[in-house]
N, C-alpha and C. Protein backbone atom coordinates (compact mmCIF):
# COMPACT_ATOMS: atom_id res chain seq x y z
N UNK A 1 19.19 -27.51 89.81
CA UNK A 1 18.63 -26.75 88.75
C UNK A 1 18.82 -27.76 87.60
N UNK A 2 17.93 -27.45 86.67
CA UNK A 2 17.66 -28.38 85.49
C UNK A 2 18.10 -27.31 84.09
N UNK A 3 18.42 -27.94 83.08
CA UNK A 3 18.28 -27.39 81.57
C UNK A 3 16.86 -26.67 81.27
N UNK A 4 16.96 -25.48 80.98
CA UNK A 4 15.53 -24.50 80.61
C UNK A 4 14.99 -25.77 79.13
N UNK A 5 13.65 -25.39 79.07
CA UNK A 5 12.97 -26.10 78.05
C UNK A 5 13.91 -25.71 76.57
N UNK A 6 13.67 -24.55 76.49
CA UNK A 6 14.18 -23.89 74.97
C UNK A 6 15.81 -24.66 75.07
N UNK A 7 16.39 -24.84 76.03
CA UNK A 7 18.08 -25.86 75.11
C UNK A 7 17.70 -27.01 75.46
N UNK A 8 16.97 -27.84 76.13
CA UNK A 8 17.01 -29.31 76.22
C UNK A 8 15.76 -29.99 75.19
N UNK A 9 15.04 -28.81 74.92
CA UNK A 9 14.03 -29.67 73.89
C UNK A 9 14.59 -29.95 72.55
N UNK A 10 15.31 -29.44 71.95
CA UNK A 10 16.08 -29.35 70.58
C UNK A 10 16.69 -31.00 70.93
N UNK A 11 17.57 -30.84 72.11
CA UNK A 11 18.73 -32.08 72.26
C UNK A 11 17.79 -33.27 72.34
N UNK A 12 16.76 -33.25 72.90
CA UNK A 12 15.78 -34.64 73.80
C UNK A 12 15.34 -34.87 72.35
N UNK A 13 15.16 -34.25 71.45
CA UNK A 13 14.45 -34.21 69.78
C UNK A 13 15.43 -35.41 69.27
N UNK A 14 16.67 -35.25 69.19
CA UNK A 14 17.53 -35.84 68.83
C UNK A 14 17.80 -36.78 69.59
N UNK A 15 17.69 -37.31 70.85
CA UNK A 15 17.38 -38.52 71.82
C UNK A 15 16.62 -39.25 71.38
N UNK A 16 15.35 -38.87 70.61
CA UNK A 16 14.50 -39.55 70.05
C UNK A 16 14.37 -40.32 68.74
N UNK A 17 15.52 -39.51 68.07
CA UNK A 17 15.82 -40.28 66.47
C UNK A 17 16.56 -41.71 67.05
N UNK A 18 16.23 -42.63 65.81
CA UNK A 18 17.11 -43.69 65.84
C UNK A 18 18.06 -43.63 64.94
N UNK A 19 19.05 -44.60 65.20
CA UNK A 19 20.27 -44.80 64.14
C UNK A 19 20.04 -44.88 62.46
N UNK A 20 18.85 -45.21 62.29
CA UNK A 20 18.43 -45.84 60.54
C UNK A 20 19.08 -44.37 59.87
N UNK A 21 19.58 -44.70 58.54
CA UNK A 21 20.00 -43.50 57.53
C UNK A 21 18.76 -43.04 57.33
N UNK A 22 17.39 -43.36 57.54
CA UNK A 22 16.30 -42.64 56.95
C UNK A 22 15.85 -42.00 57.99
N UNK A 23 16.26 -41.83 59.30
CA UNK A 23 15.54 -41.35 60.19
C UNK A 23 16.70 -40.05 60.62
N UNK A 24 17.52 -39.29 59.41
CA UNK A 24 18.54 -38.24 59.81
C UNK A 24 17.81 -37.18 60.55
N UNK A 25 18.33 -36.78 61.41
CA UNK A 25 17.93 -35.48 62.05
C UNK A 25 17.96 -34.10 61.45
N UNK A 26 16.70 -33.41 61.52
CA UNK A 26 16.92 -32.19 61.00
C UNK A 26 17.56 -31.18 61.81
N UNK A 27 18.08 -30.41 61.47
CA UNK A 27 19.09 -29.23 62.21
C UNK A 27 17.59 -28.65 63.43
N UNK A 28 18.15 -29.02 64.52
CA UNK A 28 17.21 -28.33 65.99
C UNK A 28 17.62 -26.99 65.55
N UNK A 29 16.74 -26.29 65.93
CA UNK A 29 16.71 -24.69 65.95
C UNK A 29 17.85 -23.80 66.62
N UNK A 30 17.92 -24.84 67.74
CA UNK A 30 19.06 -24.17 68.77
C UNK A 30 20.53 -24.14 68.24
N UNK A 31 20.68 -25.14 67.12
CA UNK A 31 21.61 -25.27 66.67
C UNK A 31 22.06 -24.98 65.46
N UNK A 32 21.42 -24.06 64.98
CA UNK A 32 20.87 -23.00 63.55
C UNK A 32 22.24 -21.86 63.74
N UNK A 33 22.46 -21.31 64.97
CA UNK A 33 22.91 -20.35 65.17
C UNK A 33 24.21 -20.51 66.05
N UNK A 34 24.67 -19.75 67.09
CA UNK A 34 25.90 -19.98 67.85
C UNK A 34 25.37 -20.42 69.05
N UNK A 35 25.06 -21.59 69.21
CA UNK A 35 25.12 -22.28 70.54
C UNK A 35 25.92 -22.98 71.47
N UNK A 36 27.24 -22.39 71.52
CA UNK A 36 28.63 -22.78 72.00
C UNK A 36 28.44 -21.89 73.03
N UNK A 37 28.47 -20.79 73.15
CA UNK A 37 28.76 -19.65 74.32
C UNK A 37 27.37 -19.93 75.32
N UNK A 38 26.26 -20.06 74.82
CA UNK A 38 25.38 -20.26 75.78
C UNK A 38 25.56 -21.60 76.67
N UNK A 39 25.95 -22.56 75.98
CA UNK A 39 26.18 -23.93 76.72
C UNK A 39 27.33 -23.91 77.86
N UNK A 40 28.02 -22.95 77.25
CA UNK A 40 29.54 -23.29 78.05
C UNK A 40 29.19 -22.22 79.57
N UNK A 41 28.17 -21.11 79.31
CA UNK A 41 27.68 -20.30 80.18
C UNK A 41 26.68 -21.16 81.07
N UNK A 42 25.82 -21.82 80.59
CA UNK A 42 24.76 -22.77 81.16
C UNK A 42 25.55 -23.88 82.30
N UNK A 43 26.80 -24.19 81.48
CA UNK A 43 27.62 -25.70 81.95
C UNK A 43 28.12 -24.90 83.13
N UNK A 44 28.74 -24.00 83.37
CA UNK A 44 29.64 -23.14 84.34
C UNK A 44 28.77 -22.78 85.58
N UNK A 45 27.10 -22.55 85.14
CA UNK A 45 26.42 -22.13 86.48
C UNK A 45 25.82 -23.74 86.93
N UNK A 46 25.97 -24.63 86.31
CA UNK A 46 25.29 -25.91 86.78
C UNK A 46 26.80 -26.53 87.52
N UNK A 47 27.73 -26.25 87.14
CA UNK A 47 28.82 -26.56 87.92
C UNK A 47 29.14 -26.04 89.45
N UNK A 48 28.62 -24.64 89.23
CA UNK A 48 29.06 -23.92 90.40
C UNK A 48 28.00 -24.29 91.46
N UNK A 49 26.78 -24.69 91.07
CA UNK A 49 25.51 -25.36 92.09
C UNK A 49 25.47 -26.70 92.24
N UNK A 50 26.53 -27.40 91.61
CA UNK A 50 26.64 -28.98 91.49
C UNK A 50 27.14 -29.13 93.48
N UNK A 51 26.28 -30.39 93.80
CA UNK A 51 26.51 -30.27 95.05
C UNK A 51 27.45 -31.73 95.33
N UNK A 52 28.76 -31.78 95.58
CA UNK A 52 29.42 -32.71 94.99
C UNK A 52 28.94 -34.14 95.93
N UNK A 53 28.44 -33.70 97.15
CA UNK A 53 28.11 -35.05 97.57
C UNK A 53 26.78 -35.90 97.29
N UNK A 54 26.28 -35.10 96.46
CA UNK A 54 24.66 -35.36 95.52
C UNK A 54 25.04 -36.11 94.26
N UNK A 55 26.10 -35.45 93.63
CA UNK A 55 26.64 -35.64 92.26
C UNK A 55 27.74 -36.49 92.31
N UNK A 56 28.34 -36.90 93.35
CA UNK A 56 29.69 -38.08 93.13
C UNK A 56 29.04 -39.35 92.80
N UNK A 57 27.98 -40.04 93.61
CA UNK A 57 27.75 -41.41 93.20
C UNK A 57 27.31 -41.36 91.56
N UNK A 58 26.67 -40.39 91.12
CA UNK A 58 26.40 -40.30 89.34
C UNK A 58 27.45 -39.88 88.36
N UNK A 59 28.63 -39.64 89.17
CA UNK A 59 30.12 -39.32 88.50
C UNK A 59 30.50 -40.67 88.31
N UNK A 60 31.47 -40.72 87.36
CA UNK A 60 32.46 -42.09 86.93
C UNK A 60 33.47 -41.52 86.55
N UNK A 61 34.63 -42.39 86.67
CA UNK A 61 36.01 -42.18 85.67
C UNK A 61 36.07 -43.51 85.50
N UNK A 62 37.17 -43.39 83.78
CA UNK A 62 37.43 -45.03 83.82
C UNK A 62 37.77 -45.02 82.32
N UNK A 63 38.33 -45.86 81.55
CA UNK A 63 38.50 -45.99 80.21
C UNK A 63 38.78 -44.56 79.60
N UNK A 64 40.21 -44.04 80.20
CA UNK A 64 40.28 -42.62 79.63
C UNK A 64 39.39 -41.35 79.86
N UNK A 65 38.22 -41.66 80.60
CA UNK A 65 37.32 -40.52 80.62
C UNK A 65 36.78 -40.19 81.98
N UNK A 66 36.15 -38.89 82.25
CA UNK A 66 35.42 -38.64 83.71
C UNK A 66 34.08 -38.11 83.27
N UNK A 67 33.19 -38.62 83.63
CA UNK A 67 31.96 -38.04 83.58
C UNK A 67 31.56 -37.48 84.80
N UNK A 68 31.05 -36.13 84.91
CA UNK A 68 30.93 -35.38 86.01
C UNK A 68 29.17 -35.01 85.86
N UNK A 69 28.39 -35.53 86.93
CA UNK A 69 26.96 -35.35 86.63
C UNK A 69 26.64 -33.96 86.85
N UNK A 70 25.76 -33.21 86.38
CA UNK A 70 25.19 -32.02 86.31
C UNK A 70 23.98 -31.81 86.86
N UNK A 71 22.79 -32.53 86.01
CA UNK A 71 21.49 -32.68 86.52
C UNK A 71 21.06 -33.86 85.80
N UNK A 72 19.51 -33.78 86.29
CA UNK A 72 18.69 -34.82 85.45
C UNK A 72 17.46 -34.25 85.59
N UNK A 73 16.37 -35.39 84.58
CA UNK A 73 15.09 -34.77 84.55
C UNK A 73 14.48 -36.20 84.58
N UNK A 74 13.88 -36.95 85.78
CA UNK A 74 13.62 -37.90 85.45
C UNK A 74 11.95 -38.35 84.60
N UNK A 75 11.35 -37.14 84.58
CA UNK A 75 9.89 -36.96 83.81
C UNK A 75 10.38 -36.84 81.97
N UNK A 76 11.42 -36.19 81.89
CA UNK A 76 11.89 -36.15 80.51
C UNK A 76 12.70 -37.23 80.18
N UNK A 77 13.37 -38.15 81.06
CA UNK A 77 14.40 -39.09 81.06
C UNK A 77 15.55 -38.59 80.22
N UNK A 78 16.28 -37.86 80.84
CA UNK A 78 17.63 -37.25 80.76
C UNK A 78 18.61 -37.13 81.82
N UNK A 79 19.57 -37.37 81.34
CA UNK A 79 20.71 -36.94 82.49
C UNK A 79 21.83 -35.94 82.00
N UNK A 80 22.31 -34.94 82.48
CA UNK A 80 23.27 -34.36 82.05
C UNK A 80 24.82 -34.49 82.53
N UNK A 81 26.04 -34.65 81.97
CA UNK A 81 27.08 -34.92 82.44
C UNK A 81 27.92 -34.31 82.09
N UNK A 82 29.40 -33.75 82.39
CA UNK A 82 30.38 -33.01 81.75
C UNK A 82 31.30 -33.99 81.57
N UNK A 83 32.17 -34.04 80.22
CA UNK A 83 32.84 -35.14 80.20
C UNK A 83 34.33 -34.86 79.91
N UNK A 84 35.40 -35.02 80.53
CA UNK A 84 36.77 -34.60 80.70
C UNK A 84 37.75 -35.98 80.51
N UNK A 85 38.97 -35.64 80.05
CA UNK A 85 39.90 -36.80 79.93
C UNK A 85 40.02 -37.37 81.63
N UNK A 86 39.94 -38.89 81.75
CA UNK A 86 39.91 -39.25 83.14
C UNK A 86 41.06 -40.47 83.10
N UNK A 87 40.74 -41.20 84.02
CA UNK A 87 41.85 -42.33 84.69
C UNK A 87 41.59 -43.65 83.67
N UNK A 88 42.84 -44.53 82.65
CA UNK A 88 42.84 -45.20 82.36
C UNK A 88 43.08 -45.14 80.87
N UNK A 89 42.79 -46.47 80.10
CA UNK A 89 43.24 -45.87 78.61
C UNK A 89 41.53 -46.23 78.09
N UNK A 90 41.64 -45.34 76.61
CA UNK A 90 40.50 -45.85 75.96
C UNK A 90 40.33 -47.24 75.41
N UNK A 91 39.13 -47.56 75.60
CA UNK A 91 38.81 -48.98 75.13
C UNK A 91 37.31 -48.87 74.66
N UNK A 92 37.07 -49.95 73.42
CA UNK A 92 36.01 -49.74 73.00
C UNK A 92 34.72 -50.42 73.68
N UNK A 93 33.62 -49.61 73.50
CA UNK A 93 32.45 -50.09 74.34
C UNK A 93 31.08 -50.15 73.69
N UNK A 94 30.45 -50.75 73.80
CA UNK A 94 29.20 -50.67 73.53
C UNK A 94 28.08 -50.07 74.41
N UNK A 95 27.45 -48.73 74.15
CA UNK A 95 26.55 -48.27 74.94
C UNK A 95 25.44 -48.84 75.43
N UNK A 96 25.39 -48.51 76.52
CA UNK A 96 23.72 -49.54 76.97
C UNK A 96 22.56 -48.17 76.82
N UNK A 97 23.10 -46.97 76.63
CA UNK A 97 22.48 -45.84 76.55
C UNK A 97 22.67 -45.25 75.12
N UNK A 98 21.58 -44.46 75.04
CA UNK A 98 21.69 -43.53 74.11
C UNK A 98 22.25 -41.83 74.41
N UNK A 99 22.79 -41.25 73.66
CA UNK A 99 23.41 -39.94 74.33
C UNK A 99 23.78 -38.92 73.01
N UNK A 100 23.61 -37.62 73.19
CA UNK A 100 23.71 -36.60 72.43
C UNK A 100 25.10 -35.96 73.11
N UNK A 101 26.01 -35.99 72.24
CA UNK A 101 27.64 -34.93 73.17
C UNK A 101 27.57 -33.74 72.25
N UNK A 102 27.76 -32.67 73.02
CA UNK A 102 28.16 -31.31 72.47
C UNK A 102 29.51 -31.25 72.79
N UNK A 103 30.31 -30.78 72.15
CA UNK A 103 31.73 -30.70 72.14
C UNK A 103 31.92 -29.21 72.53
N UNK A 104 32.51 -29.02 73.90
CA UNK A 104 32.79 -27.38 73.88
C UNK A 104 34.23 -27.13 74.07
N UNK A 105 35.16 -27.91 74.13
CA UNK A 105 36.63 -27.56 74.01
C UNK A 105 37.66 -28.53 73.78
N UNK A 106 38.59 -27.91 73.33
CA UNK A 106 39.70 -29.16 73.15
C UNK A 106 39.07 -30.05 71.82
N UNK A 107 39.91 -31.15 71.93
CA UNK A 107 39.57 -32.07 70.85
C UNK A 107 39.25 -33.67 71.30
N UNK A 108 38.57 -34.38 70.62
CA UNK A 108 38.47 -35.77 71.00
C UNK A 108 38.29 -36.30 69.72
N UNK A 109 38.92 -37.93 69.61
CA UNK A 109 38.75 -38.83 68.27
C UNK A 109 38.00 -39.69 69.01
N UNK A 110 37.04 -40.28 67.85
CA UNK A 110 35.97 -41.30 68.16
C UNK A 110 36.47 -42.30 67.22
N UNK A 111 36.77 -43.48 67.37
CA UNK A 111 36.86 -44.53 66.67
C UNK A 111 35.86 -45.89 66.64
N UNK A 112 35.15 -45.84 65.62
CA UNK A 112 34.14 -47.08 65.83
C UNK A 112 34.33 -48.44 64.97
N UNK A 113 33.92 -49.53 65.61
CA UNK A 113 34.23 -50.54 64.87
C UNK A 113 32.79 -51.31 64.41
N UNK A 114 33.13 -52.15 63.56
CA UNK A 114 31.66 -53.02 62.96
C UNK A 114 31.58 -54.09 63.97
N UNK A 115 32.57 -54.93 64.52
CA UNK A 115 32.15 -56.00 65.28
C UNK A 115 33.63 -55.99 66.38
N UNK A 116 33.80 -57.33 66.87
CA UNK A 116 34.85 -57.19 68.09
C UNK A 116 36.06 -57.73 67.11
N UNK A 117 35.83 -58.28 66.02
CA UNK A 117 37.33 -58.93 65.37
C UNK A 117 37.57 -57.44 64.62
N UNK A 118 36.88 -56.34 64.52
CA UNK A 118 37.68 -55.31 64.05
C UNK A 118 38.40 -54.53 65.37
N UNK A 119 38.04 -55.05 66.40
CA UNK A 119 38.53 -54.22 67.70
C UNK A 119 39.95 -55.15 67.78
N UNK A 120 39.96 -56.85 67.50
CA UNK A 120 40.91 -57.21 67.90
C UNK A 120 42.35 -57.11 66.80
N UNK A 121 41.55 -56.61 65.52
CA UNK A 121 42.35 -56.18 64.57
C UNK A 121 42.78 -54.77 64.33
N UNK A 122 42.49 -54.38 65.48
CA UNK A 122 42.64 -52.57 65.94
C UNK A 122 42.51 -51.91 63.94
N UNK A 123 41.19 -52.17 63.55
CA UNK A 123 41.00 -51.83 62.18
C UNK A 123 39.25 -51.18 62.51
N UNK A 124 39.63 -49.90 62.45
CA UNK A 124 38.02 -49.21 62.76
C UNK A 124 37.36 -48.94 61.59
N UNK A 125 36.30 -48.92 61.76
CA UNK A 125 35.92 -48.68 59.87
C UNK A 125 35.23 -47.06 59.62
N UNK A 126 35.56 -46.54 60.96
CA UNK A 126 35.19 -45.00 60.94
C UNK A 126 36.15 -44.29 62.17
N UNK A 127 36.86 -42.91 61.87
CA UNK A 127 37.66 -42.36 62.56
C UNK A 127 37.27 -40.78 62.62
N UNK A 128 37.18 -40.37 63.45
CA UNK A 128 36.79 -38.69 62.99
C UNK A 128 37.10 -37.92 64.33
N UNK A 129 37.61 -36.88 64.04
CA UNK A 129 38.20 -35.98 65.37
C UNK A 129 36.99 -34.71 65.48
N UNK A 130 36.54 -34.84 66.81
CA UNK A 130 35.80 -33.64 66.99
C UNK A 130 36.11 -32.49 67.49
N UNK A 131 36.05 -31.28 67.16
CA UNK A 131 36.37 -29.96 67.47
C UNK A 131 35.56 -29.29 68.24
N UNK A 132 35.62 -28.27 68.89
CA UNK A 132 34.62 -27.21 69.33
C UNK A 132 33.36 -27.30 68.19
N UNK A 133 31.92 -27.08 68.69
CA UNK A 133 30.92 -26.72 68.21
C UNK A 133 30.52 -28.14 67.15
N UNK A 134 31.27 -29.07 67.53
CA UNK A 134 30.69 -30.54 66.73
C UNK A 134 29.52 -30.96 67.45
N UNK A 135 28.66 -31.55 66.90
CA UNK A 135 27.84 -32.52 67.43
C UNK A 135 27.33 -33.94 67.08
N UNK A 136 27.57 -34.87 68.12
CA UNK A 136 27.31 -35.87 67.71
C UNK A 136 26.12 -36.90 68.61
N UNK A 137 25.37 -38.05 67.93
CA UNK A 137 24.40 -38.67 68.59
C UNK A 137 25.44 -39.94 68.66
N UNK A 138 25.06 -40.76 69.78
CA UNK A 138 25.85 -42.00 69.86
C UNK A 138 24.51 -43.13 70.54
N UNK A 139 24.52 -43.82 69.58
CA UNK A 139 23.32 -45.10 69.65
C UNK A 139 23.74 -46.54 70.32
N UNK A 140 23.19 -47.34 70.96
CA UNK A 140 23.00 -48.18 71.76
C UNK A 140 23.52 -49.27 70.17
N UNK A 141 24.79 -50.20 70.73
CA UNK A 141 25.07 -50.89 69.48
C UNK A 141 26.02 -50.41 68.60
N UNK A 142 26.42 -49.15 68.97
CA UNK A 142 27.61 -48.52 68.13
C UNK A 142 28.93 -49.04 69.00
N UNK A 143 29.78 -50.17 68.16
CA UNK A 143 31.00 -50.48 69.32
C UNK A 143 31.89 -49.23 68.94
N UNK A 144 32.45 -48.84 69.82
CA UNK A 144 33.12 -47.35 69.42
C UNK A 144 34.15 -46.89 70.86
N UNK A 145 35.24 -46.31 70.82
CA UNK A 145 35.89 -45.60 71.71
C UNK A 145 36.21 -43.96 71.41
N UNK A 146 36.48 -43.34 72.42
CA UNK A 146 37.02 -41.95 72.59
C UNK A 146 38.11 -41.91 73.31
N UNK A 147 38.85 -40.98 72.63
CA UNK A 147 40.26 -40.33 73.22
C UNK A 147 40.28 -39.13 73.32
N UNK A 148 40.57 -38.36 74.09
CA UNK A 148 40.47 -36.99 73.74
C UNK A 148 41.96 -36.26 74.41
N UNK A 149 41.92 -35.18 74.05
CA UNK A 149 43.20 -34.15 74.67
C UNK A 149 42.87 -34.17 75.94
N UNK A 150 43.59 -33.21 76.76
CA UNK A 150 43.55 -32.81 78.28
C UNK A 150 42.96 -31.71 78.26
N UNK A 151 42.67 -30.99 77.26
CA UNK A 151 41.79 -29.94 77.57
C UNK A 151 40.53 -29.90 77.09
N UNK A 152 40.27 -31.14 76.40
CA UNK A 152 38.81 -31.56 76.00
C UNK A 152 37.56 -31.28 77.09
N UNK A 153 36.55 -31.14 76.73
CA UNK A 153 35.39 -31.11 77.52
C UNK A 153 33.89 -30.96 76.77
N UNK A 154 33.39 -32.13 76.99
CA UNK A 154 31.72 -32.39 76.42
C UNK A 154 30.94 -32.07 77.00
N UNK A 155 29.80 -31.61 76.84
CA UNK A 155 28.60 -31.74 77.30
C UNK A 155 27.81 -32.90 76.81
N UNK A 156 27.34 -34.32 77.81
CA UNK A 156 26.51 -35.29 77.52
C UNK A 156 25.56 -35.36 78.04
N UNK A 157 24.46 -35.29 76.94
CA UNK A 157 23.08 -35.48 77.52
C UNK A 157 22.57 -36.84 76.96
N UNK A 158 22.08 -37.83 78.10
CA UNK A 158 21.79 -38.85 77.58
C UNK A 158 20.39 -39.59 78.45
N UNK A 159 19.78 -40.62 77.74
CA UNK A 159 18.62 -41.58 78.19
C UNK A 159 19.46 -42.01 79.83
N UNK A 160 18.43 -42.49 80.62
CA UNK A 160 19.08 -43.40 81.55
C UNK A 160 19.85 -42.28 82.64
N UNK A 161 20.93 -43.29 83.34
CA UNK A 161 21.72 -42.56 84.22
C UNK A 161 22.89 -42.25 83.74
N UNK A 162 24.25 -42.58 84.42
CA UNK A 162 25.48 -42.29 83.90
C UNK A 162 25.67 -42.83 82.65
N UNK A 163 26.08 -42.45 81.53
CA UNK A 163 26.48 -43.03 80.34
C UNK A 163 28.31 -43.42 80.72
N UNK A 164 28.50 -43.97 81.31
CA UNK A 164 29.79 -44.01 81.88
C UNK A 164 30.20 -45.42 82.13
N UNK A 165 31.65 -45.73 81.72
CA UNK A 165 32.32 -46.95 82.77
C UNK A 165 33.16 -46.71 83.39
N UNK A 166 33.53 -47.70 84.60
CA UNK A 166 34.61 -47.27 85.45
C UNK A 166 33.90 -47.14 87.04
N UNK A 167 34.53 -46.50 87.87
CA UNK A 167 34.39 -46.47 89.11
C UNK A 167 33.86 -45.10 89.42
N UNK A 168 32.75 -45.23 90.55
CA UNK A 168 32.19 -43.90 90.76
C UNK A 168 33.16 -42.90 91.70
N UNK A 169 32.91 -41.56 91.43
CA UNK A 169 34.04 -40.71 92.02
C UNK A 169 33.78 -40.35 93.43
N UNK A 170 34.44 -40.23 94.00
CA UNK A 170 34.74 -40.16 95.81
C UNK A 170 33.89 -38.50 95.65
N UNK A 171 33.72 -37.93 96.80
CA UNK A 171 33.12 -36.56 96.94
C UNK A 171 34.38 -35.67 96.82
N UNK A 172 35.56 -35.83 97.08
CA UNK A 172 36.52 -35.03 96.90
C UNK A 172 37.23 -35.09 95.61
N UNK A 173 37.43 -36.50 95.02
CA UNK A 173 37.37 -36.45 93.45
C UNK A 173 36.49 -35.36 92.79
N UNK A 174 35.22 -35.74 92.90
CA UNK A 174 34.30 -34.62 92.18
C UNK A 174 34.28 -33.42 92.36
N UNK A 175 35.05 -32.73 93.30
CA UNK A 175 35.20 -31.45 93.75
C UNK A 175 36.37 -31.39 92.54
N UNK A 176 37.64 -31.86 92.96
CA UNK A 176 38.80 -31.50 91.94
C UNK A 176 38.06 -31.58 90.64
N UNK A 177 37.58 -32.90 90.04
CA UNK A 177 37.15 -32.85 88.92
C UNK A 177 36.77 -31.41 88.27
N UNK A 178 35.30 -31.39 89.00
CA UNK A 178 34.56 -30.14 88.46
C UNK A 178 35.31 -28.61 88.80
N UNK A 179 36.33 -28.63 89.50
CA UNK A 179 37.09 -27.20 89.62
C UNK A 179 38.12 -27.26 88.25
N UNK A 180 38.32 -28.68 87.66
CA UNK A 180 39.22 -28.35 86.61
C UNK A 180 38.35 -28.15 85.65
N UNK A 181 37.12 -28.99 85.62
CA UNK A 181 36.15 -28.64 84.34
C UNK A 181 35.62 -27.13 84.37
N UNK A 182 35.94 -26.32 85.39
CA UNK A 182 35.26 -24.64 85.25
C UNK A 182 36.79 -24.31 84.59
N UNK A 183 37.76 -24.63 85.05
CA UNK A 183 38.73 -24.45 84.46
C UNK A 183 38.72 -23.97 82.86
N UNK A 184 38.40 -25.13 82.38
CA UNK A 184 38.55 -25.70 80.87
C UNK A 184 37.36 -24.84 80.34
N UNK A 185 36.20 -24.88 80.93
CA UNK A 185 35.12 -24.16 80.62
C UNK A 185 35.61 -22.78 80.31
N UNK A 186 35.89 -22.34 81.11
CA UNK A 186 36.20 -20.72 81.30
C UNK A 186 37.17 -20.23 80.55
N UNK A 187 38.32 -21.04 80.25
CA UNK A 187 39.07 -20.82 79.31
C UNK A 187 38.33 -20.59 77.66
N UNK A 188 37.95 -21.72 77.56
CA UNK A 188 36.83 -21.54 76.16
C UNK A 188 36.43 -20.18 76.11
N UNK A 189 35.63 -20.21 77.09
CA UNK A 189 34.43 -18.63 77.24
C UNK A 189 35.15 -17.80 77.01
N UNK A 190 36.35 -17.56 77.60
CA UNK A 190 37.45 -16.22 77.20
C UNK A 190 37.95 -16.44 76.12
N UNK A 191 38.15 -17.30 75.61
CA UNK A 191 39.19 -17.50 74.12
C UNK A 191 38.10 -16.45 73.22
N UNK A 192 36.71 -16.90 73.33
CA UNK A 192 35.86 -16.47 72.29
C UNK A 192 35.26 -15.04 72.84
N UNK A 193 35.85 -14.37 74.17
CA UNK A 193 35.68 -12.97 74.22
C UNK A 193 34.16 -12.91 75.21
N UNK A 194 34.11 -14.27 75.99
CA UNK A 194 32.93 -14.01 77.24
C UNK A 194 33.39 -13.61 78.15
N UNK A 195 32.43 -13.64 79.19
CA UNK A 195 32.76 -13.24 80.33
C UNK A 195 32.71 -14.43 81.25
N UNK A 196 33.69 -14.38 82.06
CA UNK A 196 33.79 -15.69 82.87
C UNK A 196 33.75 -14.79 84.31
N UNK A 197 32.55 -15.05 84.65
CA UNK A 197 32.66 -14.29 86.18
C UNK A 197 32.10 -15.52 87.29
N UNK A 198 32.69 -15.40 88.56
CA UNK A 198 32.18 -16.13 89.78
C UNK A 198 32.70 -17.50 89.59
N UNK A 199 33.83 -17.77 89.31
CA UNK A 199 34.47 -19.26 88.87
C UNK A 199 35.27 -19.39 90.03
N UNK A 200 34.77 -20.55 90.84
CA UNK A 200 35.59 -20.63 92.10
C UNK A 200 36.84 -21.45 91.73
N UNK A 201 38.06 -21.42 92.39
CA UNK A 201 39.32 -22.56 92.25
C UNK A 201 39.34 -23.12 93.31
């Protein structure tokens, strides 16, 4: 199952933007209204249909984050993962891929650094906490770390393959993490008055 064009095209437009301040993206139409509930519902559907044996190798955990592979489109060059808290401690990294992050539940804190010296001195030049309905794009060359609450969950749409560092998940680990992610998403949807149906445990 892939994401419908009406959903993915605006996000892919964000993936096409550069990090230049002269290339600040206009607000895509999908984000001008309530996008959170449709994304929650679609993410739950993707989780229910995910095949652990197929998706586990493209999923990973490390540096405090777990990325669960949901779907991808080779022709349009994007991959979709759900990100939840994972094993290990948050560490700064310079991503090799570009991604757009849609925050769905909980809170996450991003710290960005100018260079390795800032990392050694633990003096980030940019710190921001993201709550549900926030969106941001992460570009290669952005040295940053992400730390999130146990109930945090984000949809990460990236160029290329797995936008993660760490080890691949086993099939059983994928099942357990997917079950946890379903409950997190279901809780957010329920708290917003949405219907949560057919969520397996």
